[in-house]
N, C-alpha and C. Protein backbone atom coordinates (compact mmCIF):
# COMPACT_ATOMS: atom_id res chain seq x y z
N UNK A 1 19.86 -48.16 -8.00
CA UNK A 1 21.40 -48.25 -8.56
C UNK A 1 21.25 -49.03 -9.55
N UNK A 2 22.12 -48.88 -10.67
CA UNK A 2 22.01 -49.27 -11.96
C UNK A 2 22.81 -50.69 -11.82
N UNK A 3 22.93 -51.31 -13.16
CA UNK A 3 23.97 -52.77 -12.91
C UNK A 3 25.37 -51.97 -12.85
N UNK A 4 26.06 -53.19 -12.23
CA UNK A 4 27.49 -53.04 -12.11
C UNK A 4 28.12 -53.18 -13.67
N UNK A 5 29.25 -51.95 -14.21
CA UNK A 5 29.46 -52.41 -15.45
C UNK A 5 31.27 -53.08 -14.85
N UNK A 6 31.56 -52.52 -13.94
CA UNK A 6 33.11 -53.01 -13.77
C UNK A 6 33.23 -52.88 -12.42
N UNK A 7 34.62 -53.56 -11.72
CA UNK A 7 34.42 -53.90 -10.21
C UNK A 7 35.28 -52.46 -9.61
N UNK A 8 35.72 -51.76 -10.40
CA UNK A 8 36.33 -50.45 -10.28
C UNK A 8 35.63 -49.27 -10.41
N UNK A 9 34.36 -49.50 -11.04
CA UNK A 9 33.33 -48.32 -11.22
C UNK A 9 32.21 -48.17 -10.54
N UNK A 10 31.43 -47.53 -10.54
CA UNK A 10 30.20 -47.09 -9.60
C UNK A 10 29.06 -46.60 -10.13
N UNK A 11 28.18 -47.47 -10.73
CA UNK A 11 27.00 -46.94 -11.54
C UNK A 11 26.00 -46.56 -10.65
N UNK A 12 25.03 -45.45 -10.89
CA UNK A 12 24.23 -44.83 -10.18
C UNK A 12 23.09 -44.00 -11.35
N UNK A 13 21.66 -44.03 -10.49
CA UNK A 13 20.73 -43.25 -11.61
C UNK A 13 20.35 -42.40 -10.73
N UNK A 14 20.19 -41.34 -11.47
CA UNK A 14 19.48 -40.03 -11.02
C UNK A 14 17.94 -40.28 -10.52
N UNK A 15 17.60 -40.12 -9.50
CA UNK A 15 16.18 -40.17 -8.96
C UNK A 15 15.30 -39.31 -9.65
N UNK A 16 15.81 -38.31 -10.62
CA UNK A 16 14.82 -37.20 -10.73
C UNK A 16 14.37 -37.52 -12.22
N UNK A 17 15.31 -37.84 -12.87
CA UNK A 17 15.35 -37.88 -14.56
C UNK A 17 15.64 -39.68 -14.76
N UNK A 18 16.24 -40.74 -14.34
CA UNK A 18 16.06 -42.08 -14.09
C UNK A 18 17.47 -42.11 -14.90
N UNK A 19 18.13 -40.95 -15.38
CA UNK A 19 19.70 -41.54 -16.39
C UNK A 19 20.75 -42.10 -15.60
N UNK A 20 21.72 -43.13 -15.86
CA UNK A 20 22.48 -43.75 -15.70
C UNK A 20 23.80 -43.37 -16.05
N UNK A 21 25.00 -43.45 -14.64
CA UNK A 21 25.63 -42.68 -14.76
C UNK A 21 27.04 -43.45 -14.68
N UNK A 22 28.12 -43.77 -14.75
CA UNK A 22 29.32 -44.32 -14.24
C UNK A 22 30.60 -43.62 -13.69
N UNK A 23 31.08 -44.01 -12.75
CA UNK A 23 32.10 -43.27 -12.42
C UNK A 23 33.28 -43.88 -11.50
N UNK A 24 34.41 -43.56 -11.88
CA UNK A 24 35.84 -44.47 -11.13
C UNK A 24 35.76 -44.29 -9.65
N UNK A 25 36.03 -45.52 -8.77
CA UNK A 25 35.51 -45.23 -7.32
C UNK A 25 37.02 -44.29 -6.83
N UNK A 26 38.00 -44.07 -7.64
CA UNK A 26 39.14 -43.31 -7.35
C UNK A 26 38.43 -41.57 -7.06
N UNK A 27 37.68 -41.33 -8.13
CA UNK A 27 37.00 -39.97 -8.24
C UNK A 27 35.68 -39.82 -7.50
N UNK A 28 35.24 -40.65 -6.43
CA UNK A 28 34.19 -40.38 -5.59
C UNK A 28 34.96 -39.73 -4.05
N UNK A 29 34.37 -38.74 -3.85
CA UNK A 29 34.59 -38.03 -2.59
C UNK A 29 34.69 -38.87 -1.36
N UNK A 30 35.87 -38.86 -0.58
CA UNK A 30 35.71 -39.54 0.43
C UNK A 30 34.74 -39.49 1.47
N UNK A 31 33.96 -38.42 1.43
CA UNK A 31 32.55 -38.12 2.18
C UNK A 31 31.50 -38.03 1.07
N UNK A 32 30.43 -38.02 2.17
CA UNK A 32 29.24 -37.89 1.33
C UNK A 32 29.06 -36.50 0.71
N UNK A 33 28.41 -36.54 -0.21
CA UNK A 33 27.97 -35.08 -1.07
C UNK A 33 27.12 -35.25 -1.76
N UNK A 34 26.72 -33.95 -2.16
CA UNK A 34 25.60 -33.47 -3.12
C UNK A 34 26.11 -32.97 -4.37
N UNK A 35 25.45 -33.55 -5.46
CA UNK A 35 26.09 -32.94 -6.90
C UNK A 35 24.58 -32.98 -7.48
N UNK A 36 25.09 -32.16 -8.66
CA UNK A 36 23.74 -31.78 -9.78
C UNK A 36 24.24 -33.06 -10.84
N UNK A 37 22.65 -33.36 -11.58
CA UNK A 37 22.95 -34.39 -12.29
C UNK A 37 23.56 -34.21 -13.68
N UNK A 38 24.27 -34.80 -14.37
CA UNK A 38 24.86 -34.32 -15.33
C UNK A 38 23.50 -34.17 -16.57
N UNK A 39 22.50 -34.97 -16.13
CA UNK A 39 21.62 -34.87 -17.48
C UNK A 39 20.61 -33.59 -17.04
N UNK A 40 19.99 -33.95 -16.25
CA UNK A 40 18.93 -32.97 -15.72
C UNK A 40 19.28 -31.65 -14.90
N UNK A 41 20.71 -31.87 -14.17
CA UNK A 41 21.00 -30.67 -13.38
C UNK A 41 20.57 -30.69 -11.88
N UNK A 42 19.80 -31.37 -11.54
CA UNK A 42 19.00 -31.38 -10.17
C UNK A 42 19.85 -31.95 -8.99
N UNK A 43 19.56 -31.55 -7.87
CA UNK A 43 20.56 -31.79 -7.01
C UNK A 43 20.08 -33.48 -6.49
N UNK A 44 21.19 -34.43 -6.26
CA UNK A 44 21.13 -35.88 -5.80
C UNK A 44 22.13 -36.17 -4.56
N UNK A 45 21.81 -36.68 -3.63
CA UNK A 45 22.75 -37.31 -2.90
C UNK A 45 23.64 -38.39 -3.45
N UNK A 46 24.80 -38.32 -2.87
CA UNK A 46 26.32 -39.30 -3.36
C UNK A 46 26.77 -39.91 -2.55
N UNK A 47 26.74 -41.49 -2.34
CA UNK A 47 27.39 -42.12 -1.62
C UNK A 47 29.09 -41.66 -1.27
N UNK A 48 29.74 -41.83 0.44
CA UNK A 48 31.31 -41.73 0.43
C UNK A 48 31.95 -42.82 -0.64
N UNK A 49 33.06 -42.72 -0.80
CA UNK A 49 33.88 -43.76 -1.51
C UNK A 49 33.72 -45.23 -0.89
N UNK A 50 33.78 -45.16 0.37
CA UNK A 50 33.98 -46.62 0.90
C UNK A 50 32.31 -46.81 0.94
N UNK A 51 31.46 -46.29 1.27
CA UNK A 51 30.15 -46.97 1.08
C UNK A 51 29.73 -47.43 -0.53
N UNK A 52 30.32 -46.46 -1.40
CA UNK A 52 30.33 -47.16 -2.97
C UNK A 52 30.97 -48.43 -2.91
N UNK A 53 32.04 -48.76 -2.56
CA UNK A 53 32.96 -49.94 -2.99
C UNK A 53 32.32 -50.90 -1.92
N UNK A 54 31.59 -50.44 -1.14
CA UNK A 54 30.53 -51.46 -0.01
C UNK A 54 29.47 -51.96 -0.97
N UNK A 55 28.97 -51.26 -1.71
CA UNK A 55 27.81 -51.53 -2.81
C UNK A 55 28.18 -52.36 -3.67
N UNK A 56 29.61 -51.85 -4.47
CA UNK A 56 29.97 -52.64 -5.45
C UNK A 56 30.37 -54.39 -5.00
N UNK A 57 30.93 -54.52 -3.70
CA UNK A 57 31.39 -56.09 -3.39
C UNK A 57 29.72 -56.60 -2.96
N UNK A 58 28.94 -55.88 -2.27
CA UNK A 58 27.48 -56.57 -2.13
C UNK A 58 26.94 -56.91 -3.52
N UNK A 59 27.29 -56.19 -4.46
CA UNK A 59 26.43 -56.73 -5.48
C UNK A 59 27.05 -57.75 -6.22
N UNK A 60 28.35 -57.64 -6.31
CA UNK A 60 29.14 -58.75 -6.47
C UNK A 60 29.33 -60.08 -5.88
N UNK A 61 28.52 -60.04 -4.98
CA UNK A 61 28.43 -61.30 -4.22
C UNK A 61 26.89 -61.91 -4.50
N UNK A 62 26.29 -61.05 -5.18
CA UNK A 62 24.91 -61.56 -5.50
C UNK A 62 23.92 -61.10 -4.21
N UNK A 63 24.21 -59.99 -3.61
CA UNK A 63 23.23 -59.55 -2.71
C UNK A 63 22.55 -58.31 -3.32
N UNK A 64 21.67 -57.79 -2.62
CA UNK A 64 20.55 -56.74 -3.08
C UNK A 64 21.55 -55.66 -3.29
N UNK A 65 20.95 -54.85 -4.15
CA UNK A 65 21.45 -53.46 -4.69
C UNK A 65 21.37 -52.51 -3.44
N UNK A 66 22.31 -51.54 -3.37
CA UNK A 66 21.77 -50.49 -2.48
C UNK A 66 20.74 -49.58 -2.58
N UNK A 67 19.86 -49.27 -1.89
CA UNK A 67 18.86 -48.60 -1.57
C UNK A 67 19.21 -47.39 -2.32
N UNK A 68 18.23 -46.80 -2.86
CA UNK A 68 18.27 -45.42 -3.69
C UNK A 68 18.45 -44.29 -2.36
N UNK A 69 19.43 -43.65 -2.29
CA UNK A 69 19.21 -42.65 -1.29
C UNK A 69 17.91 -41.41 -1.92
N UNK A 70 17.46 -41.08 -0.44
CA UNK A 70 16.43 -40.02 -0.67
C UNK A 70 16.81 -38.85 -1.64
N UNK A 71 16.18 -38.32 -2.42
CA UNK A 71 16.69 -37.40 -3.22
C UNK A 71 16.06 -36.05 -2.12
N UNK A 72 16.85 -34.89 -2.36
CA UNK A 72 16.38 -33.63 -1.58
C UNK A 72 15.05 -33.22 -1.93
N UNK A 73 14.09 -32.70 -1.33
CA UNK A 73 12.79 -32.11 -1.46
C UNK A 73 13.00 -30.89 -2.59
N UNK A 74 12.03 -30.84 -3.70
CA UNK A 74 11.75 -30.16 -4.63
C UNK A 74 11.97 -28.62 -3.70
N UNK A 75 12.17 -27.73 -4.65
CA UNK A 75 12.62 -26.33 -4.01
C UNK A 75 11.17 -25.68 -4.31
N UNK A 76 10.73 -24.87 -2.86
CA UNK A 76 9.38 -24.24 -3.55
C UNK A 76 9.18 -23.42 -4.23
N UNK A 77 8.33 -23.43 -5.28
CA UNK A 77 8.11 -22.37 -6.35
C UNK A 77 8.09 -21.28 -5.96
N UNK A 78 8.47 -20.00 -6.93
CA UNK A 78 8.89 -18.92 -6.55
C UNK A 78 7.49 -17.84 -6.39
N UNK A 79 7.43 -17.24 -5.38
CA UNK A 79 6.21 -16.35 -5.23
C UNK A 79 5.85 -15.73 -6.55
N UNK A 80 4.78 -15.43 -6.74
CA UNK A 80 4.17 -14.74 -8.04
C UNK A 80 4.13 -13.50 -7.29
N UNK A 81 4.65 -12.16 -8.52
CA UNK A 81 5.32 -10.88 -7.91
C UNK A 81 3.66 -10.21 -7.54
N UNK A 82 4.15 -9.23 -6.59
CA UNK A 82 3.00 -8.73 -5.94
C UNK A 82 2.21 -7.57 -7.07
N UNK A 83 1.03 -7.83 -7.34
CA UNK A 83 0.49 -6.57 -8.30
C UNK A 83 0.79 -5.18 -7.54
N UNK A 84 1.01 -4.47 -8.95
CA UNK A 84 0.99 -3.01 -8.39
C UNK A 84 -0.24 -2.44 -7.59
N UNK A 85 -0.15 -1.61 -6.89
CA UNK A 85 -1.02 -0.68 -5.94
C UNK A 85 -1.81 -0.17 -6.81
N UNK A 86 -3.08 -0.18 -6.34
CA UNK A 86 -4.07 0.26 -7.24
C UNK A 86 -4.09 2.04 -6.85
N UNK A 87 -4.56 2.59 -8.10
CA UNK A 87 -4.67 4.09 -7.80
C UNK A 87 -5.94 4.39 -6.64
N UNK A 88 -5.29 5.58 -6.14
CA UNK A 88 -6.36 5.76 -4.85
C UNK A 88 -7.96 6.19 -5.20
N UNK A 89 -8.58 5.53 -4.68
CA UNK A 89 -9.95 6.33 -5.12
C UNK A 89 -10.62 7.46 -4.25
N UNK A 90 -11.44 7.91 -5.19
CA UNK A 90 -12.07 9.43 -4.53
C UNK A 90 -11.70 9.96 -3.52
N UNK A 91 -12.39 8.69 -2.55
CA UNK A 91 -12.77 8.86 -1.22
C UNK A 91 -11.17 9.03 -0.40
N UNK A 92 -10.33 8.63 -0.89
CA UNK A 92 -9.25 8.81 -0.41
C UNK A 92 -8.07 9.81 -0.96
N UNK A 93 -8.55 10.78 -1.96
CA UNK A 93 -7.92 11.53 -2.62
C UNK A 93 -8.17 13.16 -2.06
N UNK A 94 -6.76 13.93 -1.72
CA UNK A 94 -6.99 15.19 -0.97
C UNK A 94 -6.85 16.12 -2.08
N UNK A 95 -7.77 17.00 -1.73
CA UNK A 95 -8.20 18.27 -2.63
C UNK A 95 -7.33 19.68 -1.90
N UNK A 96 -7.20 20.59 -2.65
CA UNK A 96 -6.61 21.67 -1.99
C UNK A 96 -7.22 22.99 -2.76
N UNK A 97 -7.75 23.95 -2.21
CA UNK A 97 -8.70 25.16 -2.81
C UNK A 97 -7.75 26.43 -2.84
N UNK A 98 -7.79 27.21 -4.43
CA UNK A 98 -7.04 28.38 -4.55
C UNK A 98 -7.47 29.39 -4.29
N UNK A 99 -8.01 29.64 -2.98
CA UNK A 99 -9.05 30.80 -2.76
C UNK A 99 -8.86 31.40 -1.36
N UNK A 100 -9.17 32.59 -1.28
CA UNK A 100 -8.87 33.36 0.21
C UNK A 100 -9.89 32.33 1.28
N UNK A 101 -8.97 32.53 2.60
CA UNK A 101 -9.81 31.67 3.67
C UNK A 101 -9.64 30.07 3.58
N UNK A 102 -8.89 29.59 2.59
CA UNK A 102 -8.85 27.97 2.29
C UNK A 102 -7.14 27.70 2.50
N UNK A 103 -6.42 28.83 2.82
CA UNK A 103 -4.88 28.47 2.85
C UNK A 103 -4.43 27.74 4.01
N UNK A 104 -3.58 26.69 3.39
CA UNK A 104 -3.07 25.64 4.17
C UNK A 104 -3.88 24.57 4.34
N UNK A 105 -4.95 24.50 3.68
CA UNK A 105 -6.02 23.43 4.30
C UNK A 105 -6.12 22.04 3.09
N UNK A 106 -6.37 21.13 3.39
CA UNK A 106 -6.90 20.09 2.36
C UNK A 106 -7.82 19.33 3.17
N UNK A 107 -8.47 18.86 1.74
CA UNK A 107 -9.73 17.97 2.35
C UNK A 107 -10.00 17.03 1.60
N UNK A 108 -10.48 16.01 2.34
CA UNK A 108 -11.16 14.47 1.55
C UNK A 108 -12.31 14.77 0.61
N UNK A 109 -12.95 13.73 0.04
CA UNK A 109 -13.85 13.86 -0.70
C UNK A 109 -15.38 14.21 -0.06
N UNK A 110 -15.63 13.39 1.32
CA UNK A 110 -16.53 13.77 2.26
C UNK A 110 -16.40 15.40 3.01
N UNK A 111 -15.48 16.13 2.99
CA UNK A 111 -15.32 17.43 3.30
C UNK A 111 -15.69 18.13 2.26
N UNK A 112 -15.45 17.79 1.09
CA UNK A 112 -15.81 18.82 -0.06
C UNK A 112 -17.08 18.62 -0.59
N UNK A 113 -17.67 17.22 -0.32
CA UNK A 113 -18.93 17.52 -0.68
C UNK A 113 -19.59 18.32 0.44
N UNK A 114 -19.47 18.21 1.88
CA UNK A 114 -20.22 19.19 2.87
C UNK A 114 -19.82 20.51 2.29
N UNK A 115 -18.72 20.92 1.91
CA UNK A 115 -18.24 22.51 1.39
C UNK A 115 -18.97 22.82 0.49
N UNK A 116 -19.46 22.04 -0.42
CA UNK A 116 -20.45 22.53 -1.77
C UNK A 116 -21.70 22.47 -1.75
N UNK A 117 -22.39 21.61 -0.47
CA UNK A 117 -23.41 21.96 0.11
C UNK A 117 -23.92 23.00 0.76
N UNK A 118 -22.80 23.65 1.38
CA UNK A 118 -23.27 24.98 2.32
C UNK A 118 -22.91 26.22 1.63
N UNK A 119 -22.56 25.96 0.11
CA UNK A 119 -22.46 26.82 -0.52
C UNK A 119 -20.87 27.77 -0.45
N UNK A 120 -20.03 26.85 0.26
CA UNK A 120 -18.42 27.53 0.31
C UNK A 120 -17.97 27.34 -0.84
N UNK A 121 -17.90 26.49 -1.72
CA UNK A 121 -17.32 26.28 -3.17
C UNK A 121 -18.33 26.44 -3.89
N UNK A 122 -17.77 26.89 -5.27
CA UNK A 122 -18.62 27.25 -6.29
C UNK A 122 -17.79 26.37 -7.77
N UNK A 123 -18.66 25.86 -9.13
CA UNK A 123 -18.23 25.55 -9.83
C UNK A 123 -16.81 26.56 -10.44
N UNK A 124 -17.01 27.45 -10.58
CA UNK A 124 -15.65 28.55 -10.83
C UNK A 124 -14.40 28.51 -10.09
N UNK A 125 -14.64 28.02 -9.11
CA UNK A 125 -13.15 27.64 -7.60
C UNK A 125 -12.49 26.70 -8.62
N UNK A 126 -11.24 27.20 -8.09
CA UNK A 126 -9.98 26.49 -8.73
C UNK A 126 -9.36 25.86 -7.55
N UNK A 127 -9.52 24.29 -7.90
CA UNK A 127 -9.03 23.06 -6.99
C UNK A 127 -7.98 22.53 -7.86
N UNK A 128 -7.03 21.96 -6.75
CA UNK A 128 -5.95 20.74 -7.39
C UNK A 128 -6.65 19.55 -6.37
N UNK A 129 -6.19 18.53 -7.32
CA UNK A 129 -6.79 17.26 -6.70
C UNK A 129 -5.77 16.20 -6.88
N UNK A 130 -5.25 15.52 -6.00
CA UNK A 130 -4.50 14.42 -5.62
C UNK A 130 -2.92 14.91 -6.12
N UNK A 131 -2.78 16.05 -6.10
CA UNK A 131 -1.32 16.29 -6.64
C UNK A 131 -1.31 16.93 -8.03
N UNK A 132 -2.38 16.91 -8.51
CA UNK A 132 -2.54 17.24 -10.03
C UNK A 132 -2.34 18.92 -10.20
N UNK A 133 -2.34 19.31 -11.43
CA UNK A 133 -2.56 20.80 -11.66
C UNK A 133 -3.72 21.28 -11.27
N UNK A 134 -4.10 22.43 -10.79
CA UNK A 134 -5.27 22.95 -10.68
C UNK A 134 -6.21 23.52 -11.88
N UNK A 135 -7.57 23.19 -11.55
CA UNK A 135 -8.69 23.37 -12.27
C UNK A 135 -9.70 23.79 -11.90
N UNK A 136 -10.86 24.06 -13.04
CA UNK A 136 -12.09 24.56 -12.38
C UNK A 136 -12.61 23.27 -11.62
N UNK A 137 -13.27 23.76 -10.40
CA UNK A 137 -13.87 22.51 -9.82
C UNK A 137 -14.97 21.89 -10.70
N UNK A 138 -15.69 22.50 -11.61
CA UNK A 138 -16.49 21.65 -12.10
C UNK A 138 -16.08 21.03 -13.20
N UNK A 139 -14.40 20.84 -13.46
CA UNK A 139 -13.63 20.30 -14.34
C UNK A 139 -13.50 19.04 -14.13
N UNK A 140 -13.61 18.79 -12.50
CA UNK A 140 -13.29 17.58 -11.68
C UNK A 140 -14.95 16.55 -11.94
N UNK A 141 -14.84 15.45 -12.47
CA UNK A 141 -16.39 14.52 -12.51
C UNK A 141 -16.95 14.20 -11.14
N UNK A 142 -15.79 14.00 -10.46
CA UNK A 142 -16.56 13.63 -9.27
C UNK A 142 -17.09 14.82 -8.20
N UNK A 143 -16.53 16.07 -8.44
CA UNK A 143 -16.98 17.18 -7.86
C UNK A 143 -18.51 17.91 -8.76
N UNK A 144 -18.05 17.71 -9.96
CA UNK A 144 -19.04 18.52 -11.06
C UNK A 144 -20.52 17.57 -10.29
N UNK A 145 -20.73 16.34 -10.13
CA UNK A 145 -22.10 15.42 -9.94
C UNK A 145 -22.62 16.13 -8.79
N UNK A 146 -21.51 16.58 -7.38
CA UNK A 146 -21.91 17.06 -6.09
C UNK A 146 -22.70 18.80 -6.54
N UNK A 147 -22.28 19.55 -7.44
CA UNK A 147 -22.65 20.82 -7.99
C UNK A 147 -23.90 20.69 -8.42
N UNK A 148 -24.27 19.55 -9.54
CA UNK A 148 -25.54 18.93 -10.19
C UNK A 148 -26.62 18.69 -8.87
N UNK A 149 -25.86 17.95 -8.11
CA UNK A 149 -27.02 17.76 -6.49
C UNK A 149 -27.32 18.61 -5.68
N UNK A 150 -26.38 19.75 -5.81
CA UNK A 150 -26.93 21.17 -4.63
C UNK A 150 -28.22 21.65 -5.38
N UNK A 151 -28.13 21.62 -6.66
CA UNK A 151 -29.07 22.54 -7.85
C UNK A 151 -30.42 21.96 -6.94
N UNK A 152 -30.70 20.96 -6.82
CA UNK A 152 -31.76 19.88 -6.41
C UNK A 152 -32.03 20.08 -5.05
N UNK A 153 -31.42 20.77 -4.21
CA UNK A 153 -31.72 20.75 -2.68
C UNK A 153 -32.43 21.81 -2.70
N UNK A 154 -33.19 21.24 -1.56
CA UNK A 154 -34.27 22.57 -1.04
C UNK A 154 -34.08 23.44 -0.23
N UNK A 155 -32.89 23.23 0.69
CA UNK A 155 -32.34 24.23 1.41
C UNK A 155 -30.64 24.24 1.38
N UNK A 156 -30.14 25.40 1.72
CA UNK A 156 -28.68 25.16 2.22
C UNK A 156 -28.03 25.18 3.65
N UNK A 157 -27.45 24.07 3.72
CA UNK A 157 -27.16 24.03 5.10
C UNK A 157 -26.37 25.18 5.50
N UNK A 158 -26.23 25.43 7.21
CA UNK A 158 -25.37 26.15 7.54
C UNK A 158 -23.72 26.28 7.36
N UNK A 159 -22.99 27.16 7.39
CA UNK A 159 -21.83 27.33 7.10
C UNK A 159 -20.99 26.45 8.18
N UNK A 160 -19.96 25.70 7.60
CA UNK A 160 -19.56 24.67 8.57
C UNK A 160 -17.58 24.97 8.90
N UNK A 161 -17.04 24.80 9.80
CA UNK A 161 -15.69 25.29 10.28
C UNK A 161 -15.04 24.85 8.79
N UNK A 162 -14.07 25.48 8.20
CA UNK A 162 -13.07 25.12 7.35
C UNK A 162 -12.16 23.76 7.67
N UNK A 163 -11.52 23.75 9.07
CA UNK A 163 -10.79 22.73 9.48
C UNK A 163 -11.43 21.48 9.76
N UNK A 164 -12.66 21.89 10.40
CA UNK A 164 -13.42 20.68 11.28
C UNK A 164 -15.08 20.77 10.40
N UNK A 165 -14.96 20.24 9.13
CA UNK A 165 -16.09 20.41 8.37
C UNK A 165 -17.35 19.76 8.86
N UNK A 166 -16.88 18.57 10.01
CA UNK A 166 -18.20 17.94 10.65
C UNK A 166 -18.98 19.32 11.56
N UNK A 167 -18.55 20.29 11.59
CA UNK A 167 -18.72 21.33 13.20
C UNK A 167 -19.37 22.25 12.41
N UNK A 168 -20.47 22.74 13.07
CA UNK A 168 -20.97 23.95 12.21
C UNK A 168 -20.46 25.04 13.08
N UNK A 169 -20.13 26.71 12.22
CA UNK A 169 -19.37 27.36 12.21
C UNK A 169 -20.18 28.49 13.16
N UNK A 170 -19.72 28.91 13.80
CA UNK A 170 -20.40 30.14 14.92
C UNK A 170 -19.58 31.25 14.91
N UNK A 171 -18.34 31.37 14.31
CA UNK A 171 -17.58 32.58 14.14
C UNK A 171 -17.18 32.92 12.50
N UNK A 172 -16.48 33.82 12.39
CA UNK A 172 -16.21 34.05 11.08
C UNK A 172 -14.94 35.38 10.93
N UNK A 173 -14.15 35.04 10.79
CA UNK A 173 -12.44 35.66 10.27
C UNK A 173 -12.91 36.88 9.99
N UNK A 174 -12.37 38.16 10.41
CA UNK A 174 -13.07 39.45 9.90
C UNK A 174 -11.86 39.72 8.70
N UNK A 175 -10.59 39.22 8.52
CA UNK A 175 -9.71 39.41 7.45
C UNK A 175 -9.58 38.55 6.23
N UNK A 176 -10.60 37.23 6.47
CA UNK A 176 -11.01 36.10 5.65
C UNK A 176 -12.13 35.73 5.15
N UNK A 177 -12.97 35.93 6.07
CA UNK A 177 -14.28 35.31 5.49
C UNK A 177 -14.05 34.23 6.21
N UNK A 178 -13.46 33.47 6.88
CA UNK A 178 -12.98 32.09 6.91
C UNK A 178 -14.07 31.73 8.03
N UNK A 179 -15.16 31.01 7.88
CA UNK A 179 -16.28 30.17 9.06
C UNK A 179 -15.15 29.62 9.73
N UNK A 180 -15.20 29.87 11.59
CA UNK A 180 -14.74 29.14 12.26
C UNK A 180 -15.86 28.77 13.62
N UNK A 181 -15.27 27.48 14.00
CA UNK A 181 -16.21 26.67 15.09
C UNK A 181 -15.18 27.45 16.48
N UNK A 182 -15.83 26.84 17.61
CA UNK A 182 -15.50 27.65 18.88
C UNK A 182 -14.01 27.01 18.92
N UNK A 183 -13.44 26.24 18.38
CA UNK A 183 -11.96 25.77 18.70
C UNK A 183 -11.00 26.79 17.67
N UNK A 184 -11.46 27.03 16.48
CA UNK A 184 -10.73 27.53 15.86
C UNK A 184 -10.89 29.16 16.06
N UNK A 185 -11.94 29.63 17.15
CA UNK A 185 -11.81 31.30 17.18
C UNK A 185 -11.87 31.01 18.66
N UNK A 186 -10.50 30.69 19.34
CA UNK A 186 -10.52 30.67 20.83
C UNK A 186 -11.13 32.31 21.45
N UNK A 187 -11.27 32.21 22.47
CA UNK A 187 -11.72 34.01 23.41
C UNK A 187 -10.10 34.02 23.97
N UNK A 188 -9.75 35.27 24.01
CA UNK A 188 -8.33 35.98 24.25
C UNK A 188 -8.90 37.11 25.07
N UNK A 189 -8.35 37.96 26.32
CA UNK A 189 -8.33 38.80 26.81
C UNK A 189 -7.03 39.62 26.62
N UNK A 190 -7.71 40.49 26.23
CA UNK A 190 -6.71 42.04 26.34
C UNK A 190 -7.18 43.13 27.15
N UNK A 191 -6.59 43.11 27.96
CA UNK A 191 -6.82 44.52 29.00
C UNK A 191 -8.08 43.73 29.92
N UNK A 192 -9.22 44.62 29.60
CA UNK A 192 -10.46 44.07 30.24
C UNK A 192 -11.31 43.57 29.56
N UNK A 193 -10.89 43.45 28.04
CA UNK A 193 -11.85 42.98 26.95
C UNK A 193 -11.64 41.49 26.46
N UNK A 194 -12.58 41.18 26.48
CA UNK A 194 -12.61 39.08 25.70
C UNK A 194 -12.98 39.71 24.13
N UNK A 195 -12.07 38.96 23.51
CA UNK A 195 -12.16 38.92 21.60
C UNK A 195 -12.26 37.53 21.62
N UNK A 196 -12.64 37.35 20.28
CA UNK A 196 -12.40 35.96 19.20
C UNK A 196 -11.47 36.39 18.34
N UNK A 197 -10.19 35.41 18.37
CA UNK A 197 -8.78 35.60 17.77
C UNK A 197 -8.92 34.28 16.55
N UNK A 198 -9.12 34.39 15.41
CA UNK A 198 -8.90 33.55 14.34
C UNK A 198 -7.25 32.70 13.94
N UNK A 199 -7.42 31.31 14.89
CA UNK A 199 -6.27 30.87 15.06
C UNK A 199 -5.39 30.54 13.66
N UNK A 200 -6.23 31.00 12.43
CA UNK A 200 -5.28 30.58 11.29
C UNK A 200 -4.41 31.93 11.01
N UNK A 201 -5.09 33.25 11.46
CA UNK A 201 -4.40 34.10 10.74
C UNK A 201 -4.02 35.46 12.13
N UNK A 202 -4.58 35.01 13.18
CA UNK A 202 -4.58 35.65 14.41
C UNK A 202 -5.15 37.04 14.44
N UNK A 203 -6.13 36.90 13.37
CA UNK A 203 -7.03 38.17 13.10
C UNK A 203 -8.26 38.17 13.75
N UNK A 204 -9.05 39.36 14.20
CA UNK A 204 -10.06 39.34 14.88
C UNK A 204 -11.36 38.39 14.23
N UNK A 205 -11.86 37.46 15.21
CA UNK A 205 -13.23 36.87 14.67
C UNK A 205 -14.26 37.56 14.93
N UNK A 206 -15.72 37.38 14.66
CA UNK A 206 -16.92 38.02 14.81
C UNK A 206 -17.68 36.77 14.70
N UNK A 207 -18.75 37.06 15.67
CA UNK A 207 -19.81 36.06 15.68
C UNK A 207 -20.52 35.59 14.49
N UNK A 208 -21.02 34.84 13.81
CA UNK A 208 -21.45 34.45 12.20
C UNK A 208 -22.87 34.73 12.33
N UNK A 209 -23.54 34.10 13.08
CA UNK A 209 -24.97 34.42 13.34
C UNK A 209 -25.10 35.39 14.62
N UNK A 210 -26.04 36.56 14.40
CA UNK A 210 -26.56 37.51 15.46
C UNK A 210 -27.85 36.76 15.95
N UNK A 211 -28.00 37.07 17.47
CA UNK A 211 -28.77 36.52 17.92
C UNK A 211 -30.15 37.47 17.78
N UNK A 212 -31.14 37.12 17.88
CA UNK A 212 -32.71 38.01 17.42
C UNK A 212 -32.86 39.08 18.15
N UNK A 213 -32.32 39.25 19.37
CA UNK A 213 -32.39 40.62 19.90
C UNK A 213 -30.92 41.76 19.40
N UNK A 214 -30.27 41.16 18.53
CA UNK A 214 -29.04 42.15 18.18
C UNK A 214 -29.90 42.60 16.81
N UNK A 215 -30.37 42.17 16.17
CA UNK A 215 -30.75 42.84 14.63
C UNK A 215 -31.72 43.56 15.00
N UNK A 216 -31.45 44.74 13.91
CA UNK A 216 -32.03 46.00 13.98
C UNK A 216 -33.45 46.20 12.94
């Protein structure tokens, strides 16, 4: 606390900026309070009216000045703004193919690679990537490189199921030419006959690979 200038006025110092201020005892609230410093605006603790009067009497008698009250801890700095989410990498991008036999299908980059390797997709097929407008497949840089890689392959892998691109296809939809795995071409009985049915269009499915004994 600073020096006393008058028996009826209380002088205090801001613990933050060390500015000195004087106030009449009658203007001090009867209870302890917190006020903003008139100079720096930071919050500081203030004694009650009776405490201030006691400090003045102690100083007038030659006693020690009242110890400065502990200031409130500084507020935590605001958190930095979160960075905007990065654009989804190609591995997370979804592709749709505007082609018969691909209706209602959506593929990731890995599935697209498999479809290109097996010959199910070609450069002139129309594809929409990540919700953008549909373009030729070879207009997408990440797919163009896969078509270039296919040109150097020594063999073409067998067809895969369009829904489960990690599974080899054993059937094909008669209506759309869509390759189907066992799950996508379930066997159903009609009277005394068992047939494979495409689960996507409910059409008939036939075996994709004939056994050697069936070849003429």
